[in-house]
């Protein structure tokens, strides 16, 4: 249980720190494309920001799934 909690908190903290670094780094970029979602368009966002957000979401979801799929001590393989 403690290992799961440590994995979950570590992935959340790492993802949030990565997102903070991406937000700070994307402040003064000139090229800001829009994403066409099919039904609407997003606000103009820097390309690096979009890639960084996708990376941060991947870190958070990967760490969360690893924490949830980790076998417990009470379960037998």
N, C-alpha and C. Protein backbone atom coordinates (compact mmCIF):
# COMPACT_ATOMS: atom_id res chain seq x y z
N UNK A 1 0.82 -1.19 0.00
CA UNK A 1 0.00 0.00 0.00
C UNK A 1 0.86 1.26 0.00
N UNK A 2 1.92 1.22 0.81
CA UNK A 2 2.80 2.38 0.88
C UNK A 2 3.55 2.58 -0.43
N UNK A 3 3.94 1.49 -1.07
CA UNK A 3 4.64 1.60 -2.35
C UNK A 3 3.72 2.19 -3.42
N UNK A 4 2.47 1.77 -3.43
CA UNK A 4 1.50 2.34 -4.38
C UNK A 4 1.33 3.83 -4.17
N UNK A 5 1.22 4.22 -2.92
CA UNK A 5 1.05 5.64 -2.61
C UNK A 5 2.27 6.44 -3.02
N UNK A 6 3.47 5.90 -2.78
CA UNK A 6 4.69 6.58 -3.19
C UNK A 6 4.77 6.72 -4.71
N UNK A 7 4.39 5.66 -5.44
CA UNK A 7 4.38 5.73 -6.91
C UNK A 7 3.38 6.77 -7.41
N UNK A 8 2.21 6.79 -6.82
CA UNK A 8 1.18 7.73 -7.23
C UNK A 8 1.58 9.17 -6.95
N UNK A 9 2.08 9.42 -5.76
CA UNK A 9 2.50 10.78 -5.41
C UNK A 9 3.71 11.21 -6.23
N UNK A 10 4.64 10.29 -6.46
CA UNK A 10 5.82 10.62 -7.28
C UNK A 10 5.46 10.95 -8.71
N UNK A 11 4.54 10.20 -9.30
CA UNK A 11 4.16 10.48 -10.68
C UNK A 11 3.37 11.79 -10.77
N UNK A 12 2.52 12.06 -9.80
CA UNK A 12 1.78 13.32 -9.80
C UNK A 12 2.73 14.51 -9.62
N UNK A 13 3.66 14.39 -8.70
CA UNK A 13 4.61 15.47 -8.47
C UNK A 13 5.51 15.69 -9.69
N UNK A 14 5.99 14.60 -10.28
CA UNK A 14 6.84 14.74 -11.47
C UNK A 14 6.08 15.34 -12.64
N UNK A 15 4.85 14.92 -12.84
CA UNK A 15 4.04 15.48 -13.93
C UNK A 15 3.73 16.94 -13.71
N UNK A 16 3.43 17.32 -12.48
CA UNK A 16 3.13 18.73 -12.21
C UNK A 16 4.37 19.61 -12.34
N UNK A 17 5.53 19.10 -11.92
CA UNK A 17 6.77 19.87 -12.10
C UNK A 17 7.12 20.01 -13.58
N UNK A 18 6.89 18.95 -14.33
CA UNK A 18 7.12 19.01 -15.78
C UNK A 18 6.17 20.01 -16.43
N UNK A 19 4.93 20.01 -16.02
CA UNK A 19 3.95 20.95 -16.56
C UNK A 19 4.32 22.38 -16.19
N UNK A 20 4.81 22.60 -14.99
CA UNK A 20 5.26 23.93 -14.58
C UNK A 20 6.43 24.41 -15.43
N UNK A 21 7.38 23.52 -15.68
CA UNK A 21 8.53 23.89 -16.52
C UNK A 21 8.10 24.19 -17.94
N UNK A 22 7.13 23.44 -18.46
CA UNK A 22 6.64 23.68 -19.82
C UNK A 22 5.92 25.02 -19.88
N UNK A 23 5.12 25.32 -18.88
CA UNK A 23 4.39 26.59 -18.86
C UNK A 23 5.34 27.78 -18.78
N UNK A 24 6.39 27.65 -17.98
CA UNK A 24 7.35 28.75 -17.88
C UNK A 24 8.16 28.89 -19.16
N UNK A 25 8.46 27.80 -19.83
CA UNK A 25 9.26 27.86 -21.04
C UNK A 25 8.50 28.31 -22.26
N UNK A 26 7.19 28.25 -22.23
CA UNK A 26 6.38 28.58 -23.41
C UNK A 26 5.84 30.00 -23.37
N UNK A 27 6.41 30.86 -22.57
CA UNK A 27 5.86 32.20 -22.42
C UNK A 27 6.12 33.11 -23.62
N UNK A 28 7.30 33.08 -24.17
CA UNK A 28 7.67 34.08 -25.17
C UNK A 28 7.91 33.49 -26.55
N UNK A 29 7.11 32.52 -26.95
CA UNK A 29 7.27 31.94 -28.27
C UNK A 29 6.36 32.65 -29.26
N UNK A 30 6.87 32.89 -30.46
CA UNK A 30 6.13 33.67 -31.45
C UNK A 30 5.14 32.84 -32.25
N UNK A 31 5.55 31.66 -32.67
CA UNK A 31 4.66 30.84 -33.51
C UNK A 31 3.67 30.11 -32.61
N UNK A 32 2.39 30.37 -32.85
CA UNK A 32 1.33 29.77 -32.03
C UNK A 32 0.26 29.19 -32.94
N UNK A 33 0.40 27.91 -33.31
CA UNK A 33 -0.63 27.31 -34.17
C UNK A 33 -1.89 26.97 -33.39
N UNK A 34 -2.98 26.79 -34.14
CA UNK A 34 -4.25 26.36 -33.55
C UNK A 34 -4.47 24.89 -33.89
N UNK A 35 -5.06 24.15 -32.99
CA UNK A 35 -5.42 22.76 -33.25
C UNK A 35 -6.86 22.72 -33.74
N UNK A 36 -7.08 22.02 -34.84
CA UNK A 36 -8.43 21.83 -35.35
C UNK A 36 -8.95 20.52 -34.78
N UNK A 37 -9.96 20.60 -33.92
CA UNK A 37 -10.50 19.43 -33.24
C UNK A 37 -11.68 18.81 -33.99
N UNK A 38 -12.04 19.35 -35.12
CA UNK A 38 -13.17 18.83 -35.88
C UNK A 38 -14.41 19.66 -35.67
N UNK A 39 -14.75 19.92 -34.43
CA UNK A 39 -15.94 20.71 -34.13
C UNK A 39 -15.59 22.12 -33.68
N UNK A 40 -14.35 22.36 -33.33
CA UNK A 40 -13.90 23.69 -32.89
C UNK A 40 -12.39 23.77 -33.02
N UNK A 41 -11.86 24.95 -32.77
CA UNK A 41 -10.42 25.16 -32.76
C UNK A 41 -9.99 25.62 -31.37
N UNK A 42 -8.77 25.26 -31.00
CA UNK A 42 -8.25 25.69 -29.71
C UNK A 42 -7.74 27.11 -29.82
N UNK A 43 -7.41 27.68 -28.69
CA UNK A 43 -6.75 28.97 -28.66
C UNK A 43 -5.34 28.79 -29.24
N UNK A 44 -4.75 29.84 -29.75
CA UNK A 44 -3.39 29.70 -30.28
C UNK A 44 -2.39 29.38 -29.16
N UNK A 45 -1.80 28.20 -29.26
CA UNK A 45 -0.84 27.73 -28.27
C UNK A 45 0.47 27.37 -28.95
N UNK A 46 1.60 27.58 -28.28
CA UNK A 46 2.89 27.17 -28.86
C UNK A 46 2.96 25.66 -29.04
N UNK A 47 3.64 25.23 -30.09
CA UNK A 47 3.77 23.81 -30.37
C UNK A 47 4.49 23.06 -29.26
N UNK A 48 5.52 23.65 -28.69
CA UNK A 48 6.24 23.02 -27.60
C UNK A 48 5.38 22.85 -26.36
N UNK A 49 4.46 23.77 -26.15
CA UNK A 49 3.55 23.66 -25.02
C UNK A 49 2.62 22.46 -25.18
N UNK A 50 2.14 22.26 -26.40
CA UNK A 50 1.24 21.13 -26.65
C UNK A 50 1.96 19.80 -26.46
N UNK A 51 3.18 19.73 -26.95
CA UNK A 51 3.97 18.50 -26.78
C UNK A 51 4.30 18.28 -25.30
N UNK A 52 4.64 19.34 -24.60
CA UNK A 52 4.97 19.22 -23.18
C UNK A 52 3.78 18.80 -22.33
N UNK A 53 2.59 19.33 -22.65
CA UNK A 53 1.40 18.93 -21.91
C UNK A 53 1.09 17.46 -22.17
N UNK A 54 1.26 17.03 -23.41
CA UNK A 54 1.04 15.61 -23.71
C UNK A 54 2.03 14.73 -22.96
N UNK A 55 3.27 15.17 -22.84
CA UNK A 55 4.28 14.42 -22.10
C UNK A 55 3.95 14.37 -20.61
N UNK A 56 3.52 15.49 -20.05
CA UNK A 56 3.16 15.52 -18.62
C UNK A 56 1.97 14.63 -18.33
N UNK A 57 0.97 14.65 -19.21
CA UNK A 57 -0.20 13.78 -19.02
C UNK A 57 0.21 12.31 -19.14
N UNK A 58 1.15 12.01 -20.03
CA UNK A 58 1.64 10.64 -20.16
C UNK A 58 2.40 10.18 -18.92
N UNK A 59 3.18 11.06 -18.32
CA UNK A 59 3.91 10.71 -17.09
C UNK A 59 2.93 10.44 -15.96
N UNK A 60 1.92 11.29 -15.83
CA UNK A 60 0.93 11.12 -14.76
C UNK A 60 0.11 9.85 -14.97
N UNK A 61 -0.35 9.62 -16.19
CA UNK A 61 -1.17 8.43 -16.43
C UNK A 61 -0.35 7.15 -16.34
N UNK A 62 0.89 7.17 -16.80
CA UNK A 62 1.74 5.99 -16.69
C UNK A 62 2.07 5.64 -15.25
N UNK A 63 2.39 6.64 -14.45
CA UNK A 63 2.67 6.39 -13.04
C UNK A 63 1.45 5.93 -12.27
N UNK A 64 0.30 6.50 -12.61
CA UNK A 64 -0.94 6.09 -11.95
C UNK A 64 -1.31 4.66 -12.30
N UNK A 65 -1.17 4.31 -13.56
CA UNK A 65 -1.50 2.94 -13.95
C UNK A 65 -0.51 1.94 -13.35
N UNK A 66 0.76 2.31 -13.25
CA UNK A 66 1.73 1.43 -12.61
C UNK A 66 1.41 1.24 -11.13
N UNK A 67 0.96 2.30 -10.48
CA UNK A 67 0.61 2.19 -9.07
C UNK A 67 -0.63 1.34 -8.86
N UNK A 68 -1.59 1.45 -9.77
CA UNK A 68 -2.83 0.69 -9.63
C UNK A 68 -2.65 -0.78 -10.00
N UNK A 69 -1.76 -1.07 -10.94
CA UNK A 69 -1.57 -2.45 -11.39
C UNK A 69 -0.52 -3.21 -10.59
N UNK A 70 0.12 -2.56 -9.66
CA UNK A 70 1.12 -3.20 -8.82
C UNK A 70 0.45 -4.24 -7.93
N UNK A 71 0.92 -5.49 -7.95
CA UNK A 71 0.26 -6.49 -7.10
C UNK A 71 0.49 -6.20 -5.62
N UNK A 72 -0.55 -6.43 -4.85
CA UNK A 72 -0.46 -6.20 -3.41
C UNK A 72 0.10 -7.40 -2.69
N UNK A 73 0.36 -7.26 -1.42
CA UNK A 73 0.91 -8.38 -0.64
C UNK A 73 -0.16 -9.43 -0.36
N UNK A 74 -1.40 -9.01 -0.29
CA UNK A 74 -2.46 -9.96 0.02
C UNK A 74 -2.87 -10.80 -1.17
N UNK A 75 -2.51 -10.42 -2.36
CA UNK A 75 -2.84 -11.17 -3.55
C UNK A 75 -1.75 -12.19 -3.85
N UNK A 76 -2.14 -13.33 -4.32
CA UNK A 76 -1.17 -14.35 -4.70
C UNK A 76 -1.11 -14.44 -6.22
N UNK A 77 0.10 -14.60 -6.78
CA UNK A 77 0.21 -14.64 -8.25
C UNK A 77 -0.36 -15.91 -8.85
